[in-house]
Amino acid sequence: MLRAHEANLRLMAADRVLEHLGLRTRLFAAPGWLVSPGVRTALPANGFRLLADLHGITDLVRLTTVRARVLGIGEGFLAEPWWCRMVVMSAERIARRGGVVRIAVAARHLRKSGPLQAMLDAVDLAMLQGCTPMVYRWRADAAVLDAA
């Protein structure tokens, strides 16, 4: 767990590198989707406006959170057949109930037919229930927006 001071130093350094590369962003999604309290404290001070973590999407300017957990395969999540089925069924259930469906997959797992098909099925079923694919974004004129 990073304390606020160390998190601040790391965020400043990473932000400068990304800016130098032309990839600066105001969105923060931590590795493994887990964010320490220190990082959460340091993000607004470094100009970040949106935090995507394991359990939701937080607007750091308005201090509002949309609860929406990540359904994932690989990189901290399982990739077993039963887990892939759970991801598909959960995506469909969340979409049917009008929720925000967030899916994540480690790219190396897309070489395997099971995880690849699970991701495609999760997206298809969510869209059949009326979900619209979106990317994370922060808008000055709106509250936290859905993500896909």
N, C-alpha and C. Protein backbone atom coordinates (compact mmCIF):
# COMPACT_ATOMS: atom_id res chain seq x y z
N MET A 1 0.84 -1.18 0.00
CA MET A 1 0.00 0.00 0.00
C MET A 1 0.88 1.25 0.00
N LEU A 2 0.63 2.10 -0.96
CA LEU A 2 1.39 3.34 -1.05
C LEU A 2 0.80 4.40 -0.15
N ARG A 3 1.67 5.13 0.51
CA ARG A 3 1.21 6.29 1.27
C ARG A 3 1.05 7.46 0.31
N ALA A 4 0.35 8.49 0.74
CA ALA A 4 0.03 9.61 -0.14
C ALA A 4 1.27 10.29 -0.72
N HIS A 5 2.31 10.48 0.09
CA HIS A 5 3.52 11.17 -0.39
C HIS A 5 4.21 10.37 -1.49
N GLU A 6 4.41 9.08 -1.26
CA GLU A 6 5.06 8.25 -2.28
C GLU A 6 4.18 8.14 -3.52
N ALA A 7 2.88 8.00 -3.32
CA ALA A 7 1.96 7.94 -4.45
C ALA A 7 2.03 9.22 -5.27
N ASN A 8 2.10 10.35 -4.59
CA ASN A 8 2.20 11.64 -5.27
C ASN A 8 3.45 11.70 -6.15
N LEU A 9 4.59 11.27 -5.61
CA LEU A 9 5.84 11.28 -6.38
C LEU A 9 5.75 10.38 -7.61
N ARG A 10 5.20 9.19 -7.43
CA ARG A 10 5.08 8.25 -8.55
C ARG A 10 4.11 8.76 -9.61
N LEU A 11 3.00 9.33 -9.16
CA LEU A 11 2.02 9.87 -10.12
C LEU A 11 2.60 11.03 -10.92
N MET A 12 3.34 11.92 -10.24
CA MET A 12 3.96 13.04 -10.96
C MET A 12 4.94 12.53 -12.01
N ALA A 13 5.76 11.57 -11.64
CA ALA A 13 6.74 11.03 -12.59
C ALA A 13 6.05 10.34 -13.77
N ALA A 14 5.08 9.51 -13.49
CA ALA A 14 4.37 8.81 -14.57
C ALA A 14 3.63 9.79 -15.48
N ASP A 15 3.03 10.81 -14.88
CA ASP A 15 2.30 11.81 -15.66
C ASP A 15 3.24 12.56 -16.60
N ARG A 16 4.43 12.89 -16.12
CA ARG A 16 5.40 13.59 -16.97
C ARG A 16 5.87 12.71 -18.13
N VAL A 17 6.10 11.44 -17.85
CA VAL A 17 6.51 10.52 -18.92
C VAL A 17 5.42 10.40 -19.97
N LEU A 18 4.18 10.22 -19.52
CA LEU A 18 3.06 10.10 -20.47
C LEU A 18 2.88 11.38 -21.27
N GLU A 19 3.04 12.53 -20.61
CA GLU A 19 2.91 13.80 -21.32
C GLU A 19 4.00 13.93 -22.38
N HIS A 20 5.21 13.55 -22.04
CA HIS A 20 6.33 13.60 -22.99
C HIS A 20 6.06 12.72 -24.21
N LEU A 21 5.39 11.59 -24.00
CA LEU A 21 5.07 10.67 -25.09
C LEU A 21 3.80 11.05 -25.85
N GLY A 22 3.12 12.10 -25.37
CA GLY A 22 1.88 12.51 -26.00
C GLY A 22 0.70 11.64 -25.62
N LEU A 23 0.81 10.97 -24.48
CA LEU A 23 -0.24 10.04 -24.02
C LEU A 23 -0.87 10.47 -22.70
N ARG A 24 -0.81 11.74 -22.38
CA ARG A 24 -1.31 12.21 -21.08
C ARG A 24 -2.80 11.91 -20.95
N THR A 25 -3.18 11.49 -19.77
CA THR A 25 -4.58 11.16 -19.50
C THR A 25 -4.96 11.70 -18.13
N ARG A 26 -6.22 11.93 -17.93
CA ARG A 26 -6.74 12.38 -16.63
C ARG A 26 -7.52 11.25 -15.96
N LEU A 27 -7.41 10.05 -16.52
CA LEU A 27 -8.04 8.85 -15.97
C LEU A 27 -6.98 7.98 -15.32
N PHE A 28 -7.32 7.40 -14.17
CA PHE A 28 -6.39 6.49 -13.51
C PHE A 28 -7.07 5.15 -13.30
N ALA A 29 -6.45 4.11 -13.81
CA ALA A 29 -6.89 2.73 -13.57
C ALA A 29 -5.65 1.98 -13.07
N ALA A 30 -5.68 1.58 -11.83
CA ALA A 30 -4.51 0.95 -11.21
C ALA A 30 -4.29 -0.46 -11.73
N PRO A 31 -3.03 -0.90 -11.71
CA PRO A 31 -2.75 -2.30 -12.06
C PRO A 31 -3.54 -3.22 -11.13
N GLY A 32 -4.23 -4.17 -11.71
CA GLY A 32 -5.04 -5.08 -10.90
C GLY A 32 -6.29 -4.43 -10.34
N TRP A 33 -6.58 -3.20 -10.74
CA TRP A 33 -7.78 -2.46 -10.35
C TRP A 33 -7.83 -2.10 -8.87
N LEU A 34 -6.75 -2.34 -8.10
CA LEU A 34 -6.74 -2.05 -6.67
C LEU A 34 -6.00 -0.75 -6.39
N VAL A 35 -6.62 0.13 -5.62
CA VAL A 35 -6.07 1.46 -5.35
C VAL A 35 -5.93 1.64 -3.84
N SER A 36 -4.74 2.05 -3.41
CA SER A 36 -4.52 2.29 -1.98
C SER A 36 -5.12 3.64 -1.59
N PRO A 37 -5.41 3.83 -0.31
CA PRO A 37 -5.92 5.13 0.14
C PRO A 37 -4.96 6.29 -0.18
N GLY A 38 -3.66 6.02 -0.14
CA GLY A 38 -2.68 7.06 -0.46
C GLY A 38 -2.78 7.51 -1.91
N VAL A 39 -2.96 6.56 -2.81
CA VAL A 39 -3.11 6.89 -4.23
C VAL A 39 -4.40 7.67 -4.43
N ARG A 40 -5.47 7.22 -3.80
CA ARG A 40 -6.77 7.88 -3.91
C ARG A 40 -6.67 9.35 -3.47
N THR A 41 -5.89 9.60 -2.43
CA THR A 41 -5.69 10.96 -1.93
C THR A 41 -4.86 11.80 -2.89
N ALA A 42 -3.84 11.20 -3.50
CA ALA A 42 -2.91 11.93 -4.36
C ALA A 42 -3.45 12.21 -5.77
N LEU A 43 -4.41 11.46 -6.23
CA LEU A 43 -4.89 11.61 -7.61
C LEU A 43 -5.42 13.01 -7.93
N PRO A 44 -6.35 13.57 -7.15
CA PRO A 44 -6.87 14.90 -7.50
C PRO A 44 -5.78 15.98 -7.48
N ALA A 45 -4.83 15.86 -6.56
CA ALA A 45 -3.75 16.85 -6.48
C ALA A 45 -2.86 16.82 -7.72
N ASN A 46 -2.88 15.73 -8.45
CA ASN A 46 -2.08 15.60 -9.67
C ASN A 46 -2.91 15.78 -10.93
N GLY A 47 -4.12 16.30 -10.78
CA GLY A 47 -4.94 16.62 -11.94
C GLY A 47 -5.79 15.49 -12.50
N PHE A 48 -5.82 14.36 -11.83
CA PHE A 48 -6.65 13.25 -12.32
C PHE A 48 -8.10 13.53 -11.99
N ARG A 49 -8.98 13.22 -12.92
CA ARG A 49 -10.41 13.51 -12.75
C ARG A 49 -11.27 12.28 -12.59
N LEU A 50 -10.76 11.13 -13.02
CA LEU A 50 -11.57 9.92 -13.01
C LEU A 50 -10.73 8.75 -12.52
N LEU A 51 -11.30 7.96 -11.63
CA LEU A 51 -10.64 6.78 -11.09
C LEU A 51 -11.49 5.55 -11.39
N ALA A 52 -10.90 4.59 -12.07
CA ALA A 52 -11.58 3.32 -12.34
C ALA A 52 -10.90 2.27 -11.48
N ASP A 53 -11.64 1.73 -10.51
CA ASP A 53 -11.07 0.68 -9.68
C ASP A 53 -11.94 -0.57 -9.77
N LEU A 54 -11.63 -1.55 -8.95
CA LEU A 54 -12.30 -2.85 -9.02
C LEU A 54 -13.81 -2.76 -8.82
N HIS A 55 -14.26 -1.80 -8.02
CA HIS A 55 -15.66 -1.76 -7.63
C HIS A 55 -16.48 -0.64 -8.24
N GLY A 56 -15.84 0.28 -8.97
CA GLY A 56 -16.62 1.36 -9.54
C GLY A 56 -15.79 2.39 -10.28
N ILE A 57 -16.48 3.44 -10.71
CA ILE A 57 -15.87 4.54 -11.43
C ILE A 57 -16.16 5.80 -10.63
N THR A 58 -15.10 6.47 -10.18
CA THR A 58 -15.25 7.63 -9.31
C THR A 58 -14.87 8.90 -10.04
N ASP A 59 -15.77 9.88 -10.01
CA ASP A 59 -15.49 11.22 -10.52
C ASP A 59 -14.79 11.95 -9.38
N LEU A 60 -13.51 12.22 -9.53
CA LEU A 60 -12.71 12.82 -8.46
C LEU A 60 -12.97 14.31 -8.29
N VAL A 61 -13.64 14.93 -9.26
CA VAL A 61 -13.99 16.34 -9.16
C VAL A 61 -15.29 16.50 -8.39
N ARG A 62 -16.29 15.71 -8.75
CA ARG A 62 -17.61 15.79 -8.12
C ARG A 62 -17.76 14.89 -6.90
N LEU A 63 -16.77 14.02 -6.69
CA LEU A 63 -16.79 13.06 -5.58
C LEU A 63 -18.02 12.16 -5.63
N THR A 64 -18.33 11.67 -6.82
CA THR A 64 -19.44 10.73 -6.99
C THR A 64 -18.88 9.43 -7.57
N THR A 65 -19.52 8.33 -7.23
CA THR A 65 -19.07 7.03 -7.71
C THR A 65 -20.24 6.26 -8.30
N VAL A 66 -20.00 5.67 -9.46
CA VAL A 66 -20.95 4.73 -10.05
C VAL A 66 -20.44 3.35 -9.68
N ARG A 67 -21.24 2.61 -8.93
CA ARG A 67 -20.83 1.26 -8.54
C ARG A 67 -20.96 0.33 -9.73
N ALA A 68 -19.84 -0.26 -10.10
CA ALA A 68 -19.82 -1.19 -11.24
C ALA A 68 -18.54 -1.99 -11.15
N ARG A 69 -18.65 -3.23 -10.74
CA ARG A 69 -17.44 -4.03 -10.58
C ARG A 69 -16.91 -4.51 -11.92
N VAL A 70 -15.63 -4.83 -11.93
CA VAL A 70 -14.99 -5.31 -13.15
C VAL A 70 -15.19 -6.82 -13.25
N LEU A 71 -15.61 -7.28 -14.41
CA LEU A 71 -15.68 -8.70 -14.72
C LEU A 71 -14.48 -8.99 -15.60
N GLY A 72 -13.55 -9.80 -15.13
CA GLY A 72 -12.32 -9.96 -15.87
C GLY A 72 -11.83 -11.39 -16.01
N ILE A 73 -10.93 -11.54 -16.97
CA ILE A 73 -10.25 -12.82 -17.21
C ILE A 73 -8.76 -12.52 -17.28
N GLY A 74 -7.98 -13.20 -16.45
CA GLY A 74 -6.54 -13.00 -16.41
C GLY A 74 -6.15 -11.75 -15.64
N GLU A 75 -4.84 -11.55 -15.43
CA GLU A 75 -4.30 -10.40 -14.71
C GLU A 75 -5.04 -10.15 -13.40
N GLY A 76 -4.96 -11.10 -12.52
CA GLY A 76 -5.61 -10.99 -11.22
C GLY A 76 -6.96 -11.68 -11.15
N PHE A 77 -7.51 -12.02 -12.28
CA PHE A 77 -8.75 -12.77 -12.34
C PHE A 77 -8.41 -14.18 -12.85
N LEU A 78 -9.30 -15.09 -12.65
CA LEU A 78 -9.08 -16.45 -13.14
C LEU A 78 -9.33 -16.53 -14.65
N ALA A 79 -8.91 -17.63 -15.25
CA ALA A 79 -9.17 -17.86 -16.68
C ALA A 79 -9.71 -19.27 -16.90
N GLU A 80 -10.16 -19.91 -15.83
CA GLU A 80 -10.69 -21.27 -15.92
C GLU A 80 -12.04 -21.26 -16.64
N PRO A 81 -12.45 -22.39 -17.24
CA PRO A 81 -13.73 -22.44 -17.95
C PRO A 81 -14.93 -22.01 -17.10
N TRP A 82 -14.98 -22.45 -15.85
CA TRP A 82 -16.12 -22.08 -15.00
C TRP A 82 -16.14 -20.57 -14.75
N TRP A 83 -14.95 -19.94 -14.65
CA TRP A 83 -14.87 -18.50 -14.42
C TRP A 83 -15.33 -17.75 -15.67
N CYS A 84 -14.93 -18.24 -16.84
CA CYS A 84 -15.36 -17.62 -18.09
C CYS A 84 -16.88 -17.65 -18.22
N ARG A 85 -17.50 -18.76 -17.84
CA ARG A 85 -18.97 -18.86 -17.87
C ARG A 85 -19.59 -17.86 -16.90
N MET A 86 -18.97 -17.71 -15.72
CA MET A 86 -19.47 -16.76 -14.73
C MET A 86 -19.40 -15.33 -15.27
N VAL A 87 -18.33 -14.98 -15.97
CA VAL A 87 -18.19 -13.64 -16.55
C VAL A 87 -19.32 -13.39 -17.55
N VAL A 88 -19.59 -14.35 -18.41
CA VAL A 88 -20.66 -14.21 -19.42
C VAL A 88 -22.02 -14.05 -18.73
N MET A 89 -22.32 -14.92 -17.78
CA MET A 89 -23.62 -14.86 -17.10
C MET A 89 -23.77 -13.58 -16.29
N SER A 90 -22.70 -13.14 -15.64
CA SER A 90 -22.75 -11.90 -14.85
C SER A 90 -22.96 -10.68 -15.74
N ALA A 91 -22.27 -10.64 -16.88
CA ALA A 91 -22.44 -9.52 -17.80
C ALA A 91 -23.89 -9.42 -18.27
N GLU A 92 -24.47 -10.56 -18.61
CA GLU A 92 -25.87 -10.57 -19.07
C GLU A 92 -26.81 -10.13 -17.96
N ARG A 93 -26.61 -10.63 -16.74
CA ARG A 93 -27.47 -10.29 -15.61
C ARG A 93 -27.37 -8.79 -15.27
N ILE A 94 -26.16 -8.26 -15.22
CA ILE A 94 -25.97 -6.85 -14.90
C ILE A 94 -26.64 -5.98 -15.97
N ALA A 95 -26.45 -6.34 -17.23
CA ALA A 95 -27.06 -5.57 -18.33
C ALA A 95 -28.58 -5.64 -18.27
N ARG A 96 -29.12 -6.82 -18.00
CA ARG A 96 -30.57 -6.99 -17.93
C ARG A 96 -31.16 -6.12 -16.83
N ARG A 97 -30.41 -5.91 -15.77
CA ARG A 97 -30.88 -5.09 -14.65
C ARG A 97 -30.57 -3.60 -14.83
N GLY A 98 -30.01 -3.24 -16.00
CA GLY A 98 -29.75 -1.83 -16.28
C GLY A 98 -28.45 -1.30 -15.69
N GLY A 99 -27.55 -2.18 -15.31
CA GLY A 99 -26.30 -1.75 -14.71
C GLY A 99 -25.21 -1.45 -15.73
N VAL A 100 -24.08 -1.01 -15.22
CA VAL A 100 -22.91 -0.74 -16.05
C VAL A 100 -22.07 -2.02 -16.09
N VAL A 101 -21.83 -2.52 -17.28
CA VAL A 101 -21.04 -3.74 -17.46
C VAL A 101 -19.61 -3.33 -17.81
N ARG A 102 -18.66 -3.74 -16.97
CA ARG A 102 -17.24 -3.44 -17.22
C ARG A 102 -16.51 -4.77 -17.36
N ILE A 103 -15.91 -5.00 -18.52
CA ILE A 103 -15.17 -6.24 -18.70
C ILE A 103 -13.71 -5.93 -19.00
N ALA A 104 -12.85 -6.82 -18.54
CA ALA A 104 -11.41 -6.66 -18.76
C ALA A 104 -10.83 -8.03 -19.05
N VAL A 105 -9.83 -8.05 -19.93
CA VAL A 105 -9.17 -9.32 -20.25
C VAL A 105 -7.70 -9.04 -20.49
N ALA A 106 -6.85 -9.92 -19.99
CA ALA A 106 -5.43 -9.84 -20.29
C ALA A 106 -5.24 -10.30 -21.73
N ALA A 107 -4.56 -9.51 -22.53
CA ALA A 107 -4.43 -9.79 -23.97
C ALA A 107 -3.91 -11.19 -24.25
N ARG A 108 -3.00 -11.69 -23.43
CA ARG A 108 -2.43 -13.01 -23.71
C ARG A 108 -3.48 -14.12 -23.62
N HIS A 109 -4.57 -13.88 -22.90
CA HIS A 109 -5.63 -14.89 -22.79
C HIS A 109 -6.52 -14.93 -24.04
N LEU A 110 -6.44 -13.91 -24.86
CA LEU A 110 -7.26 -13.90 -26.08
C LEU A 110 -6.74 -14.87 -27.13
N ARG A 111 -5.55 -15.43 -26.91
CA ARG A 111 -5.03 -16.47 -27.82
C ARG A 111 -5.74 -17.80 -27.59
N LYS A 112 -6.38 -17.93 -26.44
CA LYS A 112 -7.09 -19.17 -26.10
C LYS A 112 -8.55 -19.03 -26.50
N SER A 113 -9.10 -20.08 -27.06
CA SER A 113 -10.47 -19.99 -27.58
C SER A 113 -11.51 -19.76 -26.48
N GLY A 114 -11.33 -20.36 -25.30
CA GLY A 114 -12.32 -20.22 -24.23
C GLY A 114 -12.48 -18.79 -23.75
N PRO A 115 -11.40 -18.14 -23.29
CA PRO A 115 -11.51 -16.75 -22.85
C PRO A 115 -11.95 -15.80 -23.97
N LEU A 116 -11.46 -16.02 -25.19
CA LEU A 116 -11.86 -15.18 -26.31
C LEU A 116 -13.37 -15.28 -26.53
N GLN A 117 -13.89 -16.50 -26.58
CA GLN A 117 -15.33 -16.68 -26.79
C GLN A 117 -16.13 -16.10 -25.64
N ALA A 118 -15.62 -16.23 -24.42
CA ALA A 118 -16.31 -15.67 -23.25
C ALA A 118 -16.43 -14.15 -23.36
N MET A 119 -15.37 -13.49 -23.78
CA MET A 119 -15.41 -12.03 -23.94
C MET A 119 -16.40 -11.63 -25.03
N LEU A 120 -16.35 -12.33 -26.16
CA LEU A 120 -17.29 -12.03 -27.25
C LEU A 120 -18.73 -12.26 -26.81
N ASP A 121 -18.98 -13.36 -26.11
CA ASP A 121 -20.33 -13.65 -25.62
C ASP A 121 -20.79 -12.61 -24.61
N ALA A 122 -19.90 -12.20 -23.71
CA ALA A 122 -20.26 -11.20 -22.69
C ALA A 122 -20.67 -9.88 -23.36
N VAL A 123 -19.91 -9.47 -24.36
CA VAL A 123 -20.22 -8.23 -25.08
C VAL A 123 -21.54 -8.39 -25.84
N ASP A 124 -21.70 -9.49 -26.55
CA ASP A 124 -22.93 -9.72 -27.33
C ASP A 124 -24.16 -9.72 -26.44
N LEU A 125 -24.11 -10.44 -25.32
CA LEU A 125 -25.27 -10.52 -24.44
C LEU A 125 -25.58 -9.17 -23.79
N ALA A 126 -24.54 -8.43 -23.42
CA ALA A 126 -24.77 -7.11 -22.83
C ALA A 126 -25.42 -6.18 -23.86
N MET A 127 -24.95 -6.24 -25.09
CA MET A 127 -25.54 -5.39 -26.13
C MET A 127 -26.97 -5.81 -26.46
N LEU A 128 -27.26 -7.10 -26.42
CA LEU A 128 -28.63 -7.57 -26.63
C LEU A 128 -29.58 -7.03 -25.56
N GLN A 129 -29.04 -6.75 -24.38
CA GLN A 129 -29.84 -6.21 -23.29
C GLN A 129 -29.89 -4.68 -23.33
N GLY A 130 -29.28 -4.07 -24.35
CA GLY A 130 -29.37 -2.62 -24.51
C GLY A 130 -28.14 -1.82 -24.09
N CYS A 131 -27.08 -2.47 -23.69
CA CYS A 131 -25.86 -1.74 -23.33
C CYS A 131 -25.23 -1.12 -24.58
N THR A 132 -24.57 -0.01 -24.38
CA THR A 132 -23.86 0.67 -25.46
C THR A 132 -22.37 0.66 -25.14
N PRO A 133 -21.53 0.19 -26.06
CA PRO A 133 -20.09 0.19 -25.79
C PRO A 133 -19.57 1.63 -25.63
N MET A 134 -18.77 1.83 -24.60
CA MET A 134 -18.20 3.16 -24.33
C MET A 134 -16.79 2.99 -23.78
N VAL A 135 -16.07 4.09 -23.77
CA VAL A 135 -14.76 4.13 -23.13
C VAL A 135 -14.87 5.02 -21.90
N TYR A 136 -13.91 4.91 -21.00
CA TYR A 136 -13.90 5.78 -19.84
C TYR A 136 -13.63 7.20 -20.31
N ARG A 137 -14.43 8.15 -19.82
CA ARG A 137 -14.17 9.55 -20.14
C ARG A 137 -14.77 10.44 -19.06
N TRP A 138 -14.17 11.59 -18.88
CA TRP A 138 -14.68 12.58 -17.94
C TRP A 138 -15.12 13.78 -18.74
N ARG A 139 -16.32 14.27 -18.45
CA ARG A 139 -16.82 15.46 -19.14
C ARG A 139 -17.17 16.51 -18.11
N ALA A 140 -16.77 17.73 -18.39
CA ALA A 140 -17.02 18.83 -17.46
C ALA A 140 -18.51 19.10 -17.29
N ASP A 141 -19.31 18.78 -18.29
CA ASP A 141 -20.73 19.11 -18.26
C ASP A 141 -21.63 17.95 -17.82
N ALA A 142 -21.04 16.85 -17.39
CA ALA A 142 -21.86 15.69 -17.02
C ALA A 142 -21.28 14.97 -15.81
N ALA A 143 -22.11 14.20 -15.17
CA ALA A 143 -21.64 13.37 -14.05
C ALA A 143 -20.84 12.20 -14.60
N VAL A 144 -20.44 11.31 -13.74
CA VAL A 144 -19.67 10.14 -14.18
C VAL A 144 -20.46 9.41 -15.26
N LEU A 145 -19.79 9.14 -16.38
CA LEU A 145 -20.45 8.46 -17.49
C LEU A 145 -20.21 6.98 -17.41
N ASP A 146 -21.06 6.23 -18.10
CA ASP A 146 -20.87 4.78 -18.10
C ASP A 146 -19.59 4.42 -18.84
N ALA A 147 -19.14 3.24 -18.55
CA ALA A 147 -17.98 2.70 -19.24
C ALA A 147 -18.34 1.33 -19.78
N ALA A 148 -17.59 0.90 -20.75
CA ALA A 148 -17.85 -0.43 -21.30
C ALA A 148 -16.69 -1.33 -21.01
